Amino acid sequence: MIDLHYWTTPNGHKVTMFLEEAELPYRIVPVHIGQGEQFQPDFLKIAPNNRIPAIVDHAPADGGAPLSLFESGAILLYLADKTARFIPADLRGRNEALQWLFWQMGGLGPMAGQNHHFSQYAPEKIPYAIERYVKETARLYAVLNKQLAEREFIAGGYSIADMACYPWIVPHERQQQNLADFPHLQRWFQAIAARPATQRAYARAEEVNPGNAPSVNAQSRSVLFGQDASTVRR
């Protein structure tokens, strides 16, 4: 059994997508980030960066004590290695999948996240910041579109690279992107959306947070965006 400490964000969806595809038994432990539950001491023991998702695997491969991990990319890689699924076994294929996983972690996620922040949540609209991140999001979409021009999935077969990227494309309208401008990306996106495991993963999100109620409101804004060094518990 795996405990998944989770909220309904793109990074959270990555892990439910894998768990549903692999049909691994898991239990969702909701962590309502808008209410500050990510600062609870028990959660910080497994996720010291106070971010979701995190997992606790109660049956790790070494047969030892439960193993906890934070960071969605690390979790995807761990689960892929645990199950020997959704990552190529050969040297070249494995590293192709990993480079696109890290591309998402270092590029698509952070840039799209800043896009969301400045266009949706910032208390004042800063045209330079909005333009900067909308354009960079578009550039990254174009990179992914080019990668998908001659292949069904990002790294050949369906892999953790696809699971990492898909949830960050779901809010494309909020990111001011038109998928029709990226036809190969659009074809890929529609194929993944149609996968039964993807649909099950997003159904779990609906159970946890009906209607995908936004985590950001006047009350939660300082919790989510007002953190500095003093918020790190010692």
Protein backbone atom coordinates (compact mmCIF):
# COMPACT_ATOMS: atom_id res chain seq x y z
CA MET A 1 0.00 0.00 0.00
CA ILE A 2 1.17 3.50 -0.84
CA ASP A 3 -0.03 6.59 0.99
CA LEU A 4 -0.26 9.53 -1.40
CA HIS A 5 -0.26 12.93 0.26
CA TYR A 6 -2.02 14.91 -2.40
CA TRP A 7 -3.91 17.93 -3.56
CA THR A 8 -5.56 18.59 -6.92
CA THR A 9 -2.69 20.37 -8.66
CA PRO A 10 -0.76 19.37 -11.80
CA ASN A 11 2.02 17.90 -9.69
CA GLY A 12 -0.49 15.90 -7.69
CA HIS A 13 -2.16 14.56 -10.84
CA LYS A 14 1.14 13.18 -12.13
CA VAL A 15 1.26 10.62 -9.34
CA THR A 16 -2.38 9.54 -9.48
CA MET A 17 -1.93 9.03 -13.24
CA PHE A 18 0.96 6.63 -12.60
CA LEU A 19 -0.76 4.79 -9.76
CA GLU A 20 -3.89 4.29 -11.84
CA GLU A 21 -1.94 3.13 -14.89
CA ALA A 22 0.08 0.66 -12.82
CA GLU A 23 -2.95 -0.38 -10.75
CA LEU A 24 -0.95 -0.08 -7.56
CA PRO A 25 -2.98 -0.02 -4.34
CA TYR A 26 -2.89 3.44 -2.80
CA ARG A 27 -4.65 5.64 -0.30
CA ILE A 28 -5.05 9.38 -0.81
CA VAL A 29 -4.26 11.57 2.18
CA PRO A 30 -5.62 15.01 1.25
CA VAL A 31 -3.38 17.97 2.03
CA HIS A 32 -5.46 21.13 1.49
CA ILE A 33 -2.76 23.59 0.53
CA GLY A 34 -5.11 26.58 0.62
CA GLN A 35 -5.76 25.89 4.30
CA GLY A 36 -2.09 25.51 5.18
CA GLU A 37 -2.18 21.76 5.83
CA GLN A 38 1.21 21.43 4.13
CA PHE A 39 2.75 22.96 7.25
CA GLN A 40 1.53 20.25 9.61
CA PRO A 41 4.46 18.59 11.43
CA ASP A 42 3.52 15.08 10.31
CA PHE A 43 3.53 16.16 6.67
CA LEU A 44 6.81 18.03 6.99
CA LYS A 45 8.48 14.84 8.21
CA ILE A 46 8.03 13.37 4.75
CA ALA A 47 7.97 16.58 2.69
CA PRO A 48 10.37 19.11 4.22
CA ASN A 49 9.80 21.53 1.33
CA ASN A 50 6.12 21.84 2.39
CA ARG A 51 4.88 20.97 -1.09
CA ILE A 52 2.67 18.19 -2.40
CA PRO A 53 2.82 15.47 -3.54
CA ALA A 54 4.64 13.07 -1.26
CA ILE A 55 4.33 9.34 -0.82
CA VAL A 56 4.99 6.72 1.81
CA ASP A 57 5.57 3.26 0.38
CA HIS A 58 4.78 0.68 3.05
CA ALA A 59 6.21 -2.16 0.95
CA PRO A 60 9.49 -0.95 -0.57
CA ALA A 61 11.48 -3.35 -2.71
CA ASP A 62 14.22 -3.76 -0.11
CA GLY A 63 11.74 -5.14 2.42
CA GLY A 64 12.73 -2.51 4.97
CA ALA A 65 10.86 0.19 6.83
CA PRO A 66 8.34 2.36 4.99
CA LEU A 67 10.03 4.68 2.52
CA SER A 68 8.93 8.28 2.03
CA LEU A 69 9.63 10.56 -0.91
CA PHE A 70 8.78 14.10 -1.93
CA GLU A 71 9.16 15.88 -5.31
CA SER A 72 6.85 14.63 -8.05
CA GLY A 73 9.62 13.78 -10.51
CA ALA A 74 11.48 11.70 -7.93
CA ILE A 75 8.23 9.93 -7.07
CA LEU A 76 7.51 9.08 -10.70
CA LEU A 77 11.01 7.70 -11.17
CA TYR A 78 10.78 5.68 -7.96
CA LEU A 79 7.45 4.17 -8.95
CA ALA A 80 8.70 3.40 -12.45
CA ASP A 81 11.71 1.58 -11.02
CA LYS A 82 9.57 -0.17 -8.40
CA THR A 83 7.19 -1.58 -11.01
CA ALA A 84 9.60 -1.77 -13.99
CA ARG A 85 6.94 0.04 -15.99
CA PHE A 86 6.61 3.30 -17.89
CA ILE A 87 10.34 3.80 -18.29
CA PRO A 88 12.45 2.07 -20.94
CA ALA A 89 14.82 -0.62 -19.70
CA ASP A 90 17.58 0.13 -22.21
CA LEU A 91 20.21 2.78 -21.53
CA ARG A 92 19.30 5.15 -24.35
CA GLY A 93 15.56 4.89 -23.94
CA ARG A 94 15.74 5.36 -20.18
CA ASN A 95 17.81 8.50 -20.49
CA GLU A 96 15.58 9.93 -23.19
CA ALA A 97 12.60 9.57 -20.86
CA LEU A 98 14.57 11.04 -17.95
CA GLN A 99 15.70 14.09 -19.86
CA TRP A 100 12.11 14.94 -20.73
CA LEU A 101 11.03 14.29 -17.15
CA PHE A 102 13.67 16.78 -15.99
CA TRP A 103 12.66 19.17 -18.80
CA GLN A 104 9.19 19.25 -17.32
CA MET A 105 10.45 19.65 -13.77
CA GLY A 106 12.88 22.43 -14.63
CA GLY A 107 11.02 24.15 -17.46
CA LEU A 108 7.39 23.47 -18.30
CA GLY A 109 6.18 23.28 -14.70
CA PRO A 110 7.98 26.32 -13.29
CA MET A 111 7.32 28.52 -16.31
CA ALA A 112 3.65 27.58 -16.58
CA GLY A 113 3.38 28.08 -12.82
CA GLN A 114 4.70 31.62 -13.12
CA ASN A 115 2.31 32.13 -16.03
CA HIS A 116 -0.57 31.15 -13.74
CA HIS A 117 0.68 33.36 -10.93
CA PHE A 118 1.11 36.60 -12.82
CA SER A 119 -1.94 36.24 -15.06
CA GLN A 120 -4.35 34.78 -12.49
CA TYR A 121 -3.23 35.46 -8.94
CA ALA A 122 -0.91 38.46 -8.68
CA PRO A 123 -2.55 41.36 -6.80
CA GLU A 124 -1.59 43.70 -9.65
CA LYS A 125 -1.27 42.97 -13.34
CA ILE A 126 2.32 43.44 -14.48
CA PRO A 127 2.27 43.41 -18.30
CA TYR A 128 5.98 42.61 -18.63
CA ALA A 129 5.72 39.58 -16.33
CA ILE A 130 2.56 38.29 -17.98
CA GLU A 131 4.04 38.63 -21.47
CA ARG A 132 7.32 37.07 -20.37
CA TYR A 133 5.75 33.89 -19.02
CA VAL A 134 3.01 33.55 -21.64
CA LYS A 135 5.69 33.69 -24.35
CA GLU A 136 7.97 31.26 -22.54
CA THR A 137 5.05 28.85 -22.06
CA ALA A 138 4.37 29.08 -25.79
CA ARG A 139 8.03 28.36 -26.54
CA LEU A 140 7.93 25.26 -24.36
CA TYR A 141 4.71 24.10 -26.01
CA ALA A 142 6.48 24.47 -29.36
CA VAL A 143 9.44 22.41 -28.12
CA LEU A 144 7.08 19.63 -27.06
CA ASN A 145 5.10 19.91 -30.28
CA LYS A 146 8.29 19.43 -32.30
CA GLN A 147 9.29 16.42 -30.20
CA LEU A 148 5.91 14.82 -30.89
CA ALA A 149 5.96 15.42 -34.64
CA GLU A 150 7.23 11.95 -35.48
CA ARG A 151 6.36 9.91 -32.40
CA GLU A 152 3.23 8.92 -30.55
CA PHE A 153 4.55 9.79 -27.10
CA ILE A 154 7.35 11.98 -25.80
CA ALA A 155 10.00 9.31 -25.37
CA GLY A 156 8.73 6.56 -27.64
CA GLY A 157 6.33 4.45 -25.61
CA TYR A 158 4.01 5.91 -22.99
CA SER A 159 6.20 6.83 -20.01
CA ILE A 160 6.64 8.94 -16.93
CA ALA A 161 7.69 11.78 -19.24
CA ASP A 162 4.14 11.91 -20.61
CA MET A 163 2.61 11.64 -17.14
CA ALA A 164 4.78 14.53 -15.93
CA CYS A 165 3.89 16.84 -18.81
CA TYR A 166 0.20 16.15 -19.41
CA PRO A 167 -1.22 17.77 -16.23
CA TRP A 168 0.66 20.99 -17.04
CA ILE A 169 -1.03 21.14 -20.46
CA VAL A 170 -4.52 20.59 -19.05
CA PRO A 171 -4.86 24.28 -18.01
CA HIS A 172 -3.72 25.51 -21.44
CA GLU A 173 -6.53 28.06 -21.69
CA ARG A 174 -5.49 29.65 -18.40
CA GLN A 175 -1.96 29.77 -19.77
CA GLN A 176 -3.28 31.70 -22.81
CA GLN A 177 -2.31 28.91 -25.20
CA ASN A 178 -4.34 27.57 -28.12
CA LEU A 179 -3.68 23.88 -28.66
CA ALA A 180 -4.69 24.22 -32.30
CA ASP A 181 -1.44 26.13 -32.79
CA PHE A 182 0.44 22.97 -31.76
CA PRO A 183 -1.18 20.11 -33.73
CA HIS A 184 1.18 17.32 -32.66
CA LEU A 185 0.87 18.35 -29.04
CA GLN A 186 -2.91 18.53 -29.42
CA ARG A 187 -3.06 15.00 -30.87
CA TRP A 188 -0.91 13.70 -27.97
CA PHE A 189 -2.99 15.58 -25.40
CA GLN A 190 -6.25 14.13 -26.69
CA ALA A 191 -4.81 10.60 -26.72
CA ILE A 192 -3.72 10.81 -23.10
CA ALA A 193 -7.00 12.40 -22.02
CA ALA A 194 -8.80 9.38 -23.49
CA ARG A 195 -6.78 6.82 -21.51
CA PRO A 196 -8.96 5.11 -18.88
CA ALA A 197 -6.28 5.54 -16.22
CA THR A 198 -6.11 9.28 -16.87
CA GLN A 199 -9.86 9.51 -16.49
CA ARG A 200 -9.74 7.54 -13.26
CA ALA A 201 -6.98 9.78 -11.90
CA TYR A 202 -8.98 12.92 -12.55
CA ALA A 203 -12.07 11.28 -11.08
CA ARG A 204 -10.11 10.83 -7.86
CA ALA A 205 -9.34 14.54 -7.94
CA GLU A 206 -13.05 15.24 -8.15
CA GLU A 207 -13.61 13.09 -5.07
CA VAL A 208 -10.99 15.02 -3.10
CA ASN A 209 -11.88 18.51 -4.31
CA PRO A 210 -15.31 18.55 -5.97
CA GLY A 211 -15.51 20.96 -8.87
CA ASN A 212 -11.76 21.53 -8.57
CA ALA A 213 -12.43 24.45 -6.27
CA PRO A 214 -9.49 26.86 -6.50
CA SER A 215 -6.98 26.80 -3.68
CA VAL A 216 -6.32 30.52 -4.05
CA ASN A 217 -8.67 33.04 -2.49
CA ALA A 218 -8.34 36.13 -0.33
CA GLN A 219 -7.84 34.00 2.77
CA SER A 220 -5.35 31.54 1.30
CA ARG A 221 -3.29 34.02 -0.72
CA SER A 222 -0.85 34.74 2.09
CA VAL A 223 -0.55 31.03 2.90
CA LEU A 224 0.38 30.18 -0.68
CA PHE A 225 2.31 33.26 -1.77
CA GLY A 226 3.53 34.89 1.43
CA GLN A 227 6.16 32.36 2.41
CA ASP A 228 9.75 33.23 3.17
CA ALA A 229 12.57 31.81 5.28
CA SER A 230 10.58 32.38 8.45
CA THR A 231 7.91 29.89 7.35
CA VAL A 232 10.38 27.02 7.42
CA ARG A 233 9.98 25.36 10.80
CA ARG A 234 13.17 24.55 12.64
